[in-house]
Amino acid sequence: MKNKILVEVVVPDIDEVYNIYIPINKKIGNIIVLLNKAIKELTNGIYDGTKYTSLFDTNGERYGINSLVRETNIRNGTRLILI
């Protein structure tokens, strides 16, 4: 798991929290797509993220979709909000 980090993803739309490993060498835009798919699968289709879904930190700062995870302040244990 050298190239992945464990983050806590809060999904306010369905009032759920998930612990998910994400790769550090991917762009945030790709991570959002992966999170949307994973959460849709985990909720049996209840959650259906869109192309407008964004990823935020707990301070409300939005992550740019072209930033690599390793270039952000996302580390093991970081709490992220998927809206």
PDB file of N, CA and C in Angstrom:
ATOM      1  N   MET A   1       0.820  -1.190   0.000  1.00  0.00           N
ATOM      2  CA  MET A   1       0.000   0.000   0.000  1.00  0.00           C
ATOM      3  C   MET A   1       0.865   1.255   0.000  1.00  0.00           C
ATOM      4  N   LYS A   2       2.023   1.138  -0.600  1.00  0.00           N
ATOM      5  CA  LYS A   2       2.963   2.244  -0.609  1.00  0.00           C
ATOM      6  C   LYS A   2       2.457   3.455  -1.391  1.00  0.00           C
ATOM      7  N   ASN A   3       1.666   3.213  -2.425  1.00  0.00           N
ATOM      8  CA  ASN A   3       1.189   4.306  -3.269  1.00  0.00           C
ATOM      9  C   ASN A   3      -0.261   4.675  -3.010  1.00  0.00           C
ATOM     10  N   LYS A   4      -0.788   4.252  -1.864  1.00  0.00           N
ATOM     11  CA  LYS A   4      -2.169   4.584  -1.513  1.00  0.00           C
ATOM     12  C   LYS A   4      -2.219   5.133  -0.099  1.00  0.00           C
ATOM     13  N   ILE A   5      -3.242   5.962   0.145  1.00  0.00           N
ATOM     14  CA  ILE A   5      -3.448   6.492   1.483  1.00  0.00           C
ATOM     15  C   ILE A   5      -4.889   6.227   1.898  1.00  0.00           C
ATOM     16  N   LEU A   6      -5.095   6.077   3.193  1.00  0.00           N
ATOM     17  CA  LEU A   6      -6.425   5.840   3.737  1.00  0.00           C
ATOM     18  C   LEU A   6      -7.042   7.163   4.148  1.00  0.00           C
ATOM     19  N   VAL A   7      -8.187   7.483   3.549  1.00  0.00           N
ATOM     20  CA  VAL A   7      -8.884   8.734   3.866  1.00  0.00           C
ATOM     21  C   VAL A   7     -10.294   8.416   4.334  1.00  0.00           C
ATOM     22  N   GLU A   8     -10.870   9.372   5.045  1.00  0.00           N
ATOM     23  CA  GLU A   8     -12.253   9.273   5.481  1.00  0.00           C
ATOM     24  C   GLU A   8     -13.077  10.170   4.573  1.00  0.00           C
ATOM     25  N   VAL A   9     -14.048   9.593   3.892  1.00  0.00           N
ATOM     26  CA  VAL A   9     -14.860  10.342   2.942  1.00  0.00           C
ATOM     27  C   VAL A   9     -16.270  10.503   3.506  1.00  0.00           C
ATOM     28  N   VAL A  10     -16.672  11.741   3.707  1.00  0.00           N
ATOM     29  CA  VAL A  10     -18.005  12.063   4.198  1.00  0.00           C
ATOM     30  C   VAL A  10     -18.883  12.370   2.986  1.00  0.00           C
ATOM     31  N   VAL A  11     -20.053  11.738   2.937  1.00  0.00           N
ATOM     32  CA  VAL A  11     -20.990  11.968   1.840  1.00  0.00           C
ATOM     33  C   VAL A  11     -22.285  12.515   2.447  1.00  0.00           C
ATOM     34  N   PRO A  12     -22.412  13.842   2.523  1.00  0.00           N
ATOM     35  CA  PRO A  12     -23.588  14.447   3.162  1.00  0.00           C
ATOM     36  C   PRO A  12     -24.920  14.102   2.492  1.00  0.00           C
ATOM     37  N   ASP A  13     -24.915  13.852   1.191  1.00  0.00           N
ATOM     38  CA  ASP A  13     -26.154  13.533   0.468  1.00  0.00           C
ATOM     39  C   ASP A  13     -26.866  12.313   1.046  1.00  0.00           C
ATOM     40  N   ILE A  14     -26.090  11.349   1.530  1.00  0.00           N
ATOM     41  CA  ILE A  14     -26.682  10.134   2.083  1.00  0.00           C
ATOM     42  C   ILE A  14     -26.356   9.965   3.560  1.00  0.00           C
ATOM     43  N   ASP A  15     -25.711  10.970   4.140  1.00  0.00           N
ATOM     44  CA  ASP A  15     -25.367  10.977   5.565  1.00  0.00           C
ATOM     45  C   ASP A  15     -24.552   9.747   5.966  1.00  0.00           C
ATOM     46  N   GLU A  16     -23.499   9.475   5.191  1.00  0.00           N
ATOM     47  CA  GLU A  16     -22.624   8.330   5.449  1.00  0.00           C
ATOM     48  C   GLU A  16     -21.158   8.764   5.430  1.00  0.00           C
ATOM     49  N   VAL A  17     -20.320   7.944   6.082  1.00  0.00           N
ATOM     50  CA  VAL A  17     -18.874   8.160   6.117  1.00  0.00           C
ATOM     51  C   VAL A  17     -18.202   6.842   5.733  1.00  0.00           C
ATOM     52  N   TYR A  18     -17.199   6.922   4.858  1.00  0.00           N
ATOM     53  CA  TYR A  18     -16.484   5.734   4.393  1.00  0.00           C
ATOM     54  C   TYR A  18     -14.986   5.924   4.555  1.00  0.00           C
ATOM     55  N   ASN A  19     -14.302   4.846   4.917  1.00  0.00           N
ATOM     56  CA  ASN A  19     -12.842   4.822   4.935  1.00  0.00           C
ATOM     57  C   ASN A  19     -12.402   4.132   3.652  1.00  0.00           C
ATOM     58  N   ILE A  20     -11.677   4.859   2.817  1.00  0.00           N
ATOM     59  CA  ILE A  20     -11.320   4.359   1.493  1.00  0.00           C
ATOM     60  C   ILE A  20      -9.849   4.648   1.205  1.00  0.00           C
ATOM     61  N   TYR A  21      -9.171   3.670   0.604  1.00  0.00           N
ATOM     62  CA  TYR A  21      -7.802   3.881   0.129  1.00  0.00           C
ATOM     63  C   TYR A  21      -7.863   4.534  -1.242  1.00  0.00           C
ATOM     64  N   ILE A  22      -7.069   5.589  -1.423  1.00  0.00           N
ATOM     65  CA  ILE A  22      -6.988   6.247  -2.726  1.00  0.00           C
ATOM     66  C   ILE A  22      -5.530   6.304  -3.176  1.00  0.00           C
ATOM     67  N   PRO A  23      -5.293   6.187  -4.481  1.00  0.00           N
ATOM     68  CA  PRO A  23      -3.921   6.260  -4.997  1.00  0.00           C
ATOM     69  C   PRO A  23      -3.394   7.695  -4.983  1.00  0.00           C
ATOM     70  N   ILE A  24      -2.126   7.854  -4.658  1.00  0.00           N
ATOM     71  CA  ILE A  24      -1.543   9.196  -4.566  1.00  0.00           C
ATOM     72  C   ILE A  24      -1.070   9.736  -5.909  1.00  0.00           C
ATOM     73  N   ASN A  25      -0.975   8.874  -6.916  1.00  0.00           N
ATOM     74  CA  ASN A  25      -0.464   9.305  -8.223  1.00  0.00           C
ATOM     75  C   ASN A  25      -1.561   9.614  -9.233  1.00  0.00           C
ATOM     76  N   LYS A  26      -2.787   9.773  -8.768  1.00  0.00           N
ATOM     77  CA  LYS A  26      -3.916  10.085  -9.652  1.00  0.00           C
ATOM     78  C   LYS A  26      -4.362  11.527  -9.439  1.00  0.00           C
ATOM     79  N   LYS A  27      -5.007  12.074 -10.450  1.00  0.00           N
ATOM     80  CA  LYS A  27      -5.566  13.423 -10.342  1.00  0.00           C
ATOM     81  C   LYS A  27      -6.853  13.377  -9.526  1.00  0.00           C
ATOM     82  N   ILE A  28      -7.151  14.486  -8.870  1.00  0.00           N
ATOM     83  CA  ILE A  28      -8.349  14.591  -8.050  1.00  0.00           C
ATOM     84  C   ILE A  28      -9.601  14.283  -8.874  1.00  0.00           C
ATOM     85  N   GLY A  29      -9.646  14.728 -10.112  1.00  0.00           N
ATOM     86  CA  GLY A  29     -10.789  14.438 -10.986  1.00  0.00           C
ATOM     87  C   GLY A  29     -11.022  12.947 -11.142  1.00  0.00           C
ATOM     88  N   ASN A  30      -9.936  12.186 -11.323  1.00  0.00           N
ATOM     89  CA  ASN A  30     -10.043  10.732 -11.433  1.00  0.00           C
ATOM     90  C   ASN A  30     -10.471  10.108 -10.105  1.00  0.00           C
ATOM     91  N   ILE A  31      -9.980  10.670  -9.004  1.00  0.00           N
ATOM     92  CA  ILE A  31     -10.349  10.173  -7.678  1.00  0.00           C
ATOM     93  C   ILE A  31     -11.844  10.363  -7.449  1.00  0.00           C
ATOM     94  N   ILE A  32     -12.384  11.507  -7.866  1.00  0.00           N
ATOM     95  CA  ILE A  32     -13.814  11.769  -7.709  1.00  0.00           C
ATOM     96  C   ILE A  32     -14.629  10.724  -8.477  1.00  0.00           C
ATOM     97  N   VAL A  33     -14.212  10.417  -9.688  1.00  0.00           N
ATOM     98  CA  VAL A  33     -14.906   9.398 -10.490  1.00  0.00           C
ATOM     99  C   VAL A  33     -14.852   8.051  -9.779  1.00  0.00           C
ATOM    100  N   LEU A  34     -13.671   7.685  -9.267  1.00  0.00           N
ATOM    101  CA  LEU A  34     -13.525   6.417  -8.541  1.00  0.00           C
ATOM    102  C   LEU A  34     -14.388   6.383  -7.288  1.00  0.00           C
ATOM    103  N   LEU A  35     -14.411   7.497  -6.541  1.00  0.00           N
ATOM    104  CA  LEU A  35     -15.227   7.560  -5.325  1.00  0.00           C
ATOM    105  C   LEU A  35     -16.706   7.452  -5.658  1.00  0.00           C
ATOM    106  N   ASN A  36     -17.158   8.136  -6.706  1.00  0.00           N
ATOM    107  CA  ASN A  36     -18.560   8.046  -7.111  1.00  0.00           C
ATOM    108  C   ASN A  36     -18.953   6.605  -7.425  1.00  0.00           C
ATOM    109  N   LYS A  37     -18.101   5.908  -8.168  1.00  0.00           N
ATOM    110  CA  LYS A  37     -18.384   4.514  -8.526  1.00  0.00           C
ATOM    111  C   LYS A  37     -18.391   3.614  -7.293  1.00  0.00           C
ATOM    112  N   ALA A  38     -17.389   3.783  -6.431  1.00  0.00           N
ATOM    113  CA  ALA A  38     -17.275   2.934  -5.243  1.00  0.00           C
ATOM    114  C   ALA A  38     -18.459   3.141  -4.303  1.00  0.00           C
ATOM    115  N   ILE A  39     -18.835   4.385  -4.077  1.00  0.00           N
ATOM    116  CA  ILE A  39     -19.928   4.669  -3.149  1.00  0.00           C
ATOM    117  C   ILE A  39     -21.266   4.242  -3.744  1.00  0.00           C
ATOM    118  N   LYS A  40     -21.429   4.382  -5.043  1.00  0.00           N
ATOM    119  CA  LYS A  40     -22.647   3.897  -5.688  1.00  0.00           C
ATOM    120  C   LYS A  40     -22.780   2.391  -5.494  1.00  0.00           C
ATOM    121  N   GLU A  41     -21.662   1.695  -5.641  1.00  0.00           N
ATOM    122  CA  GLU A  41     -21.671   0.247  -5.453  1.00  0.00           C
ATOM    123  C   GLU A  41     -21.933  -0.125  -3.991  1.00  0.00           C
ATOM    124  N   LEU A  42     -21.315   0.585  -3.071  1.00  0.00           N
ATOM    125  CA  LEU A  42     -21.501   0.304  -1.644  1.00  0.00           C
ATOM    126  C   LEU A  42     -22.925   0.578  -1.175  1.00  0.00           C
ATOM    127  N   THR A  43     -23.606   1.517  -1.824  1.00  0.00           N
ATOM    128  CA  THR A  43     -24.973   1.875  -1.420  1.00  0.00           C
ATOM    129  C   THR A  43     -26.029   1.207  -2.302  1.00  0.00           C
ATOM    130  N   ASN A  44     -25.614   0.271  -3.130  1.00  0.00           N
ATOM    131  CA  ASN A  44     -26.534  -0.428  -4.041  1.00  0.00           C
ATOM    132  C   ASN A  44     -27.321   0.546  -4.916  1.00  0.00           C
ATOM    133  N   GLY A  45     -26.664   1.598  -5.377  1.00  0.00           N
ATOM    134  CA  GLY A  45     -27.255   2.539  -6.312  1.00  0.00           C
ATOM    135  C   GLY A  45     -27.994   3.706  -5.681  1.00  0.00           C
ATOM    136  N   ILE A  46     -28.043   3.773  -4.361  1.00  0.00           N
ATOM    137  CA  ILE A  46     -28.733   4.894  -3.696  1.00  0.00           C
ATOM    138  C   ILE A  46     -28.013   6.206  -3.994  1.00  0.00           C
ATOM    139  N   TYR A  47     -26.681   6.201  -3.870  1.00  0.00           N
ATOM    140  CA  TYR A  47     -25.895   7.399  -4.176  1.00  0.00           C
ATOM    141  C   TYR A  47     -25.489   7.343  -5.635  1.00  0.00           C
ATOM    142  N   ASP A  48     -25.719   8.436  -6.336  1.00  0.00           N
ATOM    143  CA  ASP A  48     -25.328   8.499  -7.741  1.00  0.00           C
ATOM    144  C   ASP A  48     -24.669   9.851  -7.990  1.00  0.00           C
ATOM    145  N   GLY A  49     -23.357   9.905  -7.829  1.00  0.00           N
ATOM    146  CA  GLY A  49     -22.619  11.150  -8.040  1.00  0.00           C
ATOM    147  C   GLY A  49     -22.703  11.581  -9.494  1.00  0.00           C
ATOM    148  N   THR A  50     -22.501  12.860  -9.712  1.00  0.00           N
ATOM    149  CA  THR A  50     -22.583  13.401 -11.065  1.00  0.00           C
ATOM    150  C   THR A  50     -21.217  13.913 -11.503  1.00  0.00           C
ATOM    151  N   LYS A  51     -21.162  14.439 -12.717  1.00  0.00           N
ATOM    152  CA  LYS A  51     -19.909  15.013 -13.194  1.00  0.00           C
ATOM    153  C   LYS A  51     -19.612  16.337 -12.502  1.00  0.00           C
ATOM    154  N   TYR A  52     -20.573  16.850 -11.757  1.00  0.00           N
ATOM    155  CA  TYR A  52     -20.385  18.100 -11.024  1.00  0.00           C
ATOM    156  C   TYR A  52     -19.961  17.872  -9.572  1.00  0.00           C
ATOM    157  N   THR A  53     -19.788  16.629  -9.178  1.00  0.00           N
ATOM    158  CA  THR A  53     -19.364  16.311  -7.819  1.00  0.00           C
ATOM    159  C   THR A  53     -17.963  16.874  -7.580  1.00  0.00           C
ATOM    160  N   SER A  54     -17.747  17.426  -6.390  1.00  0.00           N
ATOM    161  CA  SER A  54     -16.446  17.998  -6.031  1.00  0.00           C
ATOM    162  C   SER A  54     -15.965  17.400  -4.719  1.00  0.00           C
ATOM    163  N   LEU A  55     -14.672  17.543  -4.476  1.00  0.00           N
ATOM    164  CA  LEU A  55     -14.047  17.050  -3.261  1.00  0.00           C
ATOM    165  C   LEU A  55     -13.524  18.243  -2.471  1.00  0.00           C
ATOM    166  N   PHE A  56     -13.866  18.293  -1.190  1.00  0.00           N
ATOM    167  CA  PHE A  56     -13.504  19.408  -0.321  1.00  0.00           C
ATOM    168  C   PHE A  56     -12.767  18.903   0.913  1.00  0.00           C
ATOM    169  N   ASP A  57     -11.971  19.785   1.530  1.00  0.00           N
ATOM    170  CA  ASP A  57     -11.406  19.454   2.832  1.00  0.00           C
ATOM    171  C   ASP A  57     -12.380  19.944   3.899  1.00  0.00           C
ATOM    172  N   THR A  58     -12.058  19.719   5.155  1.00  0.00           N
ATOM    173  CA  THR A  58     -12.980  20.074   6.239  1.00  0.00           C
ATOM    174  C   THR A  58     -13.109  21.582   6.445  1.00  0.00           C
ATOM    175  N   ASN A  59     -12.223  22.358   5.850  1.00  0.00           N
ATOM    176  CA  ASN A  59     -12.315  23.819   5.925  1.00  0.00           C
ATOM    177  C   ASN A  59     -13.146  24.406   4.795  1.00  0.00           C
ATOM    178  N   GLY A  60     -13.659  23.552   3.919  1.00  0.00           N
ATOM    179  CA  GLY A  60     -14.473  24.020   2.810  1.00  0.00           C
ATOM    180  C   GLY A  60     -13.689  24.375   1.564  1.00  0.00           C
ATOM    181  N   GLU A  61     -12.392  24.109   1.567  1.00  0.00           N
ATOM    182  CA  GLU A  61     -11.569  24.385   0.387  1.00  0.00           C
ATOM    183  C   GLU A  61     -11.749  23.263  -0.635  1.00  0.00           C
ATOM    184  N   ARG A  62     -12.018  23.657  -1.861  1.00  0.00           N
ATOM    185  CA  ARG A  62     -12.235  22.693  -2.937  1.00  0.00           C
ATOM    186  C   ARG A  62     -10.901  22.305  -3.571  1.00  0.00           C
ATOM    187  N   TYR A  63     -10.740  21.021  -3.824  1.00  0.00           N
ATOM    188  CA  TYR A  63      -9.529  20.542  -4.489  1.00  0.00           C
ATOM    189  C   TYR A  63      -9.713  20.662  -5.999  1.00  0.00           C
ATOM    190  N   GLY A  64      -8.697  21.166  -6.677  1.00  0.00           N
ATOM    191  CA  GLY A  64      -8.732  21.291  -8.132  1.00  0.00           C
ATOM    192  C   GLY A  64      -8.672  19.931  -8.793  1.00  0.00           C
ATOM    193  N   ILE A  65      -9.456  19.740  -9.831  1.00  0.00           N
ATOM    194  CA  ILE A  65      -9.544  18.415 -10.453  1.00  0.00           C
ATOM    195  C   ILE A  65      -8.264  18.003 -11.181  1.00  0.00           C
ATOM    196  N   ASN A  66      -7.407  18.943 -11.491  1.00  0.00           N
ATOM    197  CA  ASN A  66      -6.166  18.604 -12.192  1.00  0.00           C
ATOM    198  C   ASN A  66      -4.971  18.402 -11.267  1.00  0.00           C
ATOM    199  N   SER A  67      -5.173  18.565  -9.970  1.00  0.00           N
ATOM    200  CA  SER A  67      -4.074  18.369  -9.001  1.00  0.00           C
ATOM    201  C   SER A  67      -3.894  16.893  -8.706  1.00  0.00           C
ATOM    202  N   LEU A  68      -2.654  16.466  -8.609  1.00  0.00           N
ATOM    203  CA  LEU A  68      -2.371  15.101  -8.160  1.00  0.00           C
ATOM    204  C   LEU A  68      -2.572  15.038  -6.651  1.00  0.00           C
ATOM    205  N   VAL A  69      -3.027  13.899  -6.166  1.00  0.00           N
ATOM    206  CA  VAL A  69      -3.265  13.744  -4.731  1.00  0.00           C
ATOM    207  C   VAL A  69      -1.992  14.048  -3.952  1.00  0.00           C
ATOM    208  N   ARG A  70      -0.856  13.573  -4.420  1.00  0.00           N
ATOM    209  CA  ARG A  70       0.399  13.764  -3.684  1.00  0.00           C
ATOM    210  C   ARG A  70       0.827  15.236  -3.603  1.00  0.00           C
ATOM    211  N   GLU A  71       0.281  16.079  -4.490  1.00  0.00           N
ATOM    212  CA  GLU A  71       0.601  17.508  -4.495  1.00  0.00           C
ATOM    213  C   GLU A  71      -0.318  18.324  -3.583  1.00  0.00           C
ATOM    214  N   THR A  72      -1.300  17.663  -2.969  1.00  0.00           N
ATOM    215  CA  THR A  72      -2.247  18.352  -2.093  1.00  0.00           C
ATOM    216  C   THR A  72      -1.873  18.082  -0.633  1.00  0.00           C
ATOM    217  N   ASN A  73      -2.716  18.562   0.274  1.00  0.00           N
ATOM    218  CA  ASN A  73      -2.491  18.315   1.694  1.00  0.00           C
ATOM    219  C   ASN A  73      -3.198  17.047   2.175  1.00  0.00           C
ATOM    220  N   ILE A  74      -3.633  16.204   1.254  1.00  0.00           N
ATOM    221  CA  ILE A  74      -4.298  14.954   1.610  1.00  0.00           C
ATOM    222  C   ILE A  74      -3.245  13.939   2.060  1.00  0.00           C
ATOM    223  N   ARG A  75      -3.426  13.433   3.269  1.00  0.00           N
ATOM    224  CA  ARG A  75      -2.517  12.447   3.862  1.00  0.00           C
ATOM    225  C   ARG A  75      -3.345  11.340   4.502  1.00  0.00           C
ATOM    226  N   ASN A  76      -2.688  10.304   5.030  1.00  0.00           N
ATOM    227  CA  ASN A  76      -3.390   9.246   5.750  1.00  0.00           C
ATOM    228  C   ASN A  76      -4.243   9.852   6.852  1.00  0.00           C
ATOM    229  N   GLY A  77      -5.502   9.441   6.912  1.00  0.00           N
ATOM    230  CA  GLY A  77      -6.402   9.919   7.957  1.00  0.00           C
ATOM    231  C   GLY A  77      -7.112  11.221   7.653  1.00  0.00           C
ATOM    232  N   THR A  78      -6.843  11.822   6.497  1.00  0.00           N
ATOM    233  CA  THR A  78      -7.497  13.081   6.124  1.00  0.00           C
ATOM    234  C   THR A  78      -8.995  12.847   5.942  1.00  0.00           C
ATOM    235  N   ARG A  79      -9.780  13.791   6.415  1.00  0.00           N
ATOM    236  CA  ARG A  79     -11.237  13.734   6.242  1.00  0.00           C
ATOM    237  C   ARG A  79     -11.600  14.595   5.032  1.00  0.00           C
ATOM    238  N   LEU A  80     -12.277  13.980   4.067  1.00  0.00           N
ATOM    239  CA  LEU A  80     -12.685  14.657   2.843  1.00  0.00           C
ATOM    240  C   LEU A  80     -14.200  14.662   2.744  1.00  0.00           C
ATOM    241  N   ILE A  81     -14.735  15.659   2.062  1.00  0.00           N
ATOM    242  CA  ILE A  81     -16.175  15.777   1.884  1.00  0.00           C
ATOM    243  C   ILE A  81     -16.480  15.713   0.399  1.00  0.00           C
ATOM    244  N   LEU A  82     -17.351  14.788   0.019  1.00  0.00           N
ATOM    245  CA  LEU A  82     -17.731  14.577  -1.376  1.00  0.00           C
ATOM    246  C   LEU A  82     -19.129  15.156  -1.606  1.00  0.00           C
ATOM    247  N   ILE A  83     -19.178  16.276  -2.315  1.00  0.00           N
ATOM    248  CA  ILE A  83     -20.464  16.950  -2.564  1.00  0.00           C
ATOM    249  C   ILE A  83     -20.634  17.126  -4.061  1.00  0.00           C
TER     250      ILE A  83
END
